[in-house]
Protein backbone atom coordinates (compact mmCIF):
# COMPACT_ATOMS: atom_id res chain seq x y z
CA MET A 1 -24.57 -41.87 1.09
CA SER A 2 -25.33 -42.23 -2.66
CA SER A 3 -27.42 -38.81 -2.63
CA ARG A 4 -24.48 -37.08 -1.05
CA LYS A 5 -22.33 -38.39 -4.04
CA GLU A 6 -24.98 -37.13 -6.47
CA LYS A 7 -24.73 -33.56 -4.82
CA VAL A 8 -21.01 -33.62 -5.01
CA CYS A 9 -20.99 -34.47 -8.52
CA ALA A 10 -23.86 -32.22 -9.65
CA MET A 11 -21.63 -30.32 -12.19
CA PRO A 12 -21.99 -31.56 -15.76
CA LEU A 13 -18.81 -33.54 -16.72
CA SER A 14 -18.29 -31.37 -19.70
CA ALA A 15 -17.46 -28.46 -17.27
CA ALA A 16 -14.82 -30.37 -15.27
CA PRO A 17 -12.06 -30.11 -17.62
CA ARG A 18 -12.69 -26.34 -18.08
CA ILE A 19 -12.72 -25.77 -14.22
CA LEU A 20 -9.52 -27.91 -13.87
CA ALA A 21 -7.77 -25.73 -16.81
CA LEU A 22 -8.95 -22.45 -15.09
CA ALA A 23 -7.40 -23.76 -11.62
CA LEU A 24 -4.08 -24.69 -13.41
CA VAL A 25 -3.83 -21.27 -15.22
CA VAL A 26 -4.76 -19.44 -11.87
CA SER A 27 -2.05 -21.60 -10.00
CA ALA A 28 0.54 -20.77 -12.74
CA PHE A 29 -0.25 -16.98 -12.58
CA VAL A 30 -0.03 -16.79 -8.73
CA THR A 31 3.14 -18.74 -8.70
CA GLU A 32 4.71 -16.88 -11.52
CA SER A 33 3.77 -13.56 -10.05
CA ALA A 34 5.10 -14.43 -6.64
CA ALA A 35 8.42 -15.54 -8.19
CA ARG A 36 8.79 -12.21 -10.01
CA SER A 37 7.71 -9.92 -7.04
CA PRO A 38 10.69 -8.78 -4.98
CA ALA A 39 10.40 -9.50 -1.13
CA PRO A 40 8.78 -6.54 0.62
CA SER A 41 11.44 -5.92 2.99
CA ALA A 42 14.13 -5.82 0.21
CA GLN A 43 12.35 -3.10 -1.61
CA PRO A 44 9.89 -1.23 0.53
CA VAL A 45 9.79 2.09 -1.61
CA ILE A 46 8.67 1.34 -5.08
CA VAL A 47 9.04 4.01 -7.65
CA SER A 48 9.88 4.04 -11.26
CA PRO A 49 13.01 5.75 -12.43
CA ASP A 50 10.83 7.40 -15.18
CA ALA A 51 8.63 8.99 -12.24
CA THR A 52 11.49 10.93 -10.79
CA THR A 53 13.52 14.09 -11.93
CA SER A 54 16.31 16.20 -10.33
CA ALA A 55 15.67 18.92 -7.79
CA PRO A 56 14.22 21.99 -9.29
CA ALA A 57 16.21 25.30 -9.53
CA GLU A 58 13.43 27.31 -7.84
CA LYS A 59 12.65 26.85 -4.23
CA LEU A 60 9.36 24.84 -3.45
CA ALA A 61 7.27 27.33 -1.14
CA LEU A 62 4.36 25.39 -0.33
CA ARG A 63 5.21 22.88 2.40
CA GLY A 64 2.96 20.38 4.08
CA ARG A 65 2.77 17.13 6.18
CA THR A 66 0.11 14.43 5.54
CA LEU A 67 -0.91 11.83 8.21
CA ILE A 68 -2.15 8.59 6.91
CA PRO A 69 -3.58 5.78 9.11
CA LEU A 70 -2.44 2.47 8.09
CA HIS A 71 -4.15 -0.38 10.16
CA SER A 72 -1.42 -3.19 10.10
CA THR A 73 -3.45 -4.95 12.93
CA LEU A 74 -7.23 -4.81 13.62
CA ILE A 75 -8.74 -6.64 16.59
CA GLY A 76 -12.19 -7.80 16.65
CA GLN A 77 -14.66 -10.08 18.55
CA GLY A 78 -14.01 -8.21 21.88
CA GLY A 79 -10.14 -8.61 21.60
CA VAL A 80 -10.20 -12.32 20.87
CA THR A 81 -9.27 -12.02 17.23
CA ARG A 82 -6.29 -10.27 15.56
CA LEU A 83 -6.34 -9.69 11.75
CA ASN A 84 -3.04 -8.61 10.21
CA PHE A 85 -3.02 -6.56 6.95
CA SER A 86 -0.46 -5.74 4.34
CA GLY A 87 -0.39 -2.16 3.33
CA ALA A 88 0.47 0.06 0.48
CA LEU A 89 1.08 3.66 0.99
CA SER A 90 0.67 5.50 -2.36
CA ILE A 91 1.76 9.12 -2.92
CA HIS A 92 0.58 10.80 -6.25
CA ASN A 93 1.69 14.18 -7.50
CA ALA A 94 -1.70 15.78 -8.30
CA SER A 95 -0.16 18.78 -10.34
CA ALA A 96 -0.21 18.63 -14.11
CA THR A 97 2.66 20.99 -14.25
CA ASN A 98 5.02 21.15 -11.02
CA ILE A 99 7.32 18.71 -9.42
CA LEU A 100 6.45 17.33 -6.00
CA ALA A 101 9.30 16.80 -3.53
CA ILE A 102 8.78 13.93 -1.04
CA GLU A 103 11.36 14.89 1.94
CA LYS A 104 10.27 12.44 4.68
CA ILE A 105 8.35 9.22 4.94
CA GLU A 106 8.02 7.81 8.52
CA TYR A 107 6.15 4.82 9.82
CA ARG A 108 4.89 5.02 13.38
CA ASN A 109 3.31 2.51 15.59
CA GLY A 110 -0.02 3.11 17.71
CA SER A 111 1.90 4.70 20.42
CA GLY A 112 3.33 7.39 17.98
CA GLN A 113 6.98 5.90 18.17
CA LEU A 114 8.85 6.05 14.96
CA ILE A 115 9.42 2.47 13.61
CA GLU A 116 11.08 3.24 10.30
CA SER A 117 12.10 6.33 8.05
CA TYR A 118 12.13 5.50 4.47
CA LEU A 119 14.16 8.30 2.79
CA ASN A 120 17.81 9.40 3.09
CA ASP A 121 17.41 12.09 0.35
CA PRO A 122 14.38 13.79 -0.85
CA LEU A 123 12.57 12.35 -4.04
CA TYR A 124 11.19 14.67 -6.82
CA LEU A 125 8.22 13.24 -8.62
CA LYS A 126 7.34 14.59 -12.06
CA PRO A 127 3.71 15.78 -12.72
CA TYR A 128 1.11 13.15 -12.24
CA ALA A 129 3.97 10.62 -11.16
CA SER A 130 3.56 8.47 -7.95
CA LEU A 131 5.38 6.23 -5.55
CA GLN A 132 4.49 3.45 -3.18
CA VAL A 133 5.61 2.25 0.13
CA THR A 134 4.73 -1.40 1.08
CA ILE A 135 4.20 -3.18 4.45
CA ALA A 136 3.98 -6.73 4.51
CA GLN A 137 1.16 -8.63 6.18
CA ASP A 138 3.51 -10.31 8.65
CA ASP A 139 5.07 -7.02 9.60
CA VAL A 140 3.22 -6.34 12.81
CA ARG A 141 5.60 -3.73 14.09
CA GLY A 142 2.76 -0.98 13.72
CA GLY A 143 0.26 -2.82 15.62
CA THR A 144 -3.16 -1.15 16.20
CA GLY A 145 -3.22 2.47 15.27
CA ALA A 146 -0.11 2.54 12.98
CA SER A 147 0.29 5.45 10.63
CA PHE A 148 2.49 7.20 8.21
CA THR A 149 3.62 10.81 8.06
CA VAL A 150 4.77 12.43 4.60
CA ASP A 151 6.66 15.70 4.32
CA TRP A 152 6.35 17.18 1.02
CA SER A 153 7.08 20.52 -0.93
CA THR A 154 5.88 21.75 -4.12
CA ALA A 155 5.47 25.13 -6.03
CA GLN A 156 3.22 27.75 -4.67
CA GLY A 157 -0.38 27.54 -5.83
CA SER A 158 0.19 23.95 -7.03
CA ASP A 159 -2.20 21.10 -6.33
CA GLU A 160 -1.45 19.19 -3.06
CA PRO A 161 -0.46 15.62 -3.45
CA LEU A 162 -2.90 12.79 -3.12
CA ILE A 163 -1.81 10.26 -0.38
CA GLU A 164 -3.90 7.19 0.66
CA ALA A 165 -3.19 3.91 1.93
CA VAL A 166 -4.68 0.53 0.95
CA MET A 167 -4.66 -2.42 3.42
CA THR A 168 -5.42 -5.92 2.28
CA SER A 169 -5.88 -9.30 4.41
CA TYR A 170 -6.24 -12.66 3.06
CA THR A 171 -7.26 -15.39 5.65
CA GLY A 172 -8.54 -18.67 4.15
CA PRO A 173 -11.22 -18.08 1.72
CA HIS A 174 -11.84 -14.58 2.90
CA SER A 175 -10.16 -11.32 1.87
CA TYR A 176 -10.65 -7.85 3.40
CA ALA A 177 -9.57 -4.34 1.80
CA ILE A 178 -9.69 -0.96 3.52
CA LEU A 179 -9.01 2.54 1.83
CA SER A 180 -7.57 5.10 4.14
CA PRO A 181 -7.14 8.61 3.03
CA GLY A 182 -4.43 10.97 4.20
CA ARG A 183 -5.26 14.29 5.95
CA ARG A 184 -3.05 17.43 5.84
CA VAL A 185 -1.77 18.30 9.41
CA SER A 186 0.68 20.89 10.66
CA ARG A 187 4.32 20.50 9.86
CA PRO A 188 6.92 21.49 12.28
CA GLN A 189 9.25 24.05 11.21
């Protein structure tokens, strides 16, 4: 029994106050960050007012659609385990000089059914600006195989946007992260 105590208390006593102080700082930071963060469902589209501009006078001739997988739920161990992920869809204007119009952002489940449409009006991103759409870890509406489609327009000859999703999950002491790049697909007229 005493050998077990010695293993538990193997850390030098001089390190204990530093570890306790570090734990308190981390705890305070996490609590403060959570208090400052808006509820995911309250603000799913996050964009800085400085990142947007008004519609350009000229027509944006290059039109596209990007499909981005967002795995909100993964099933493992032969269907026994379900792991839910939070997700962040990031849309970046890759042009140094031209505006990017984000005309439609739609979230679909694994059956392809529309779950949510995020924009009522287009957003116009300045050069190199970005926006983000968030999905909470407890939002399991997408299930397995969920995805986003983003309809966008920019000036002819401009760089296409960089669109990707990052999924994270925290379960007990384990954390997981997946990066999912978007792929350009045909856009219906």
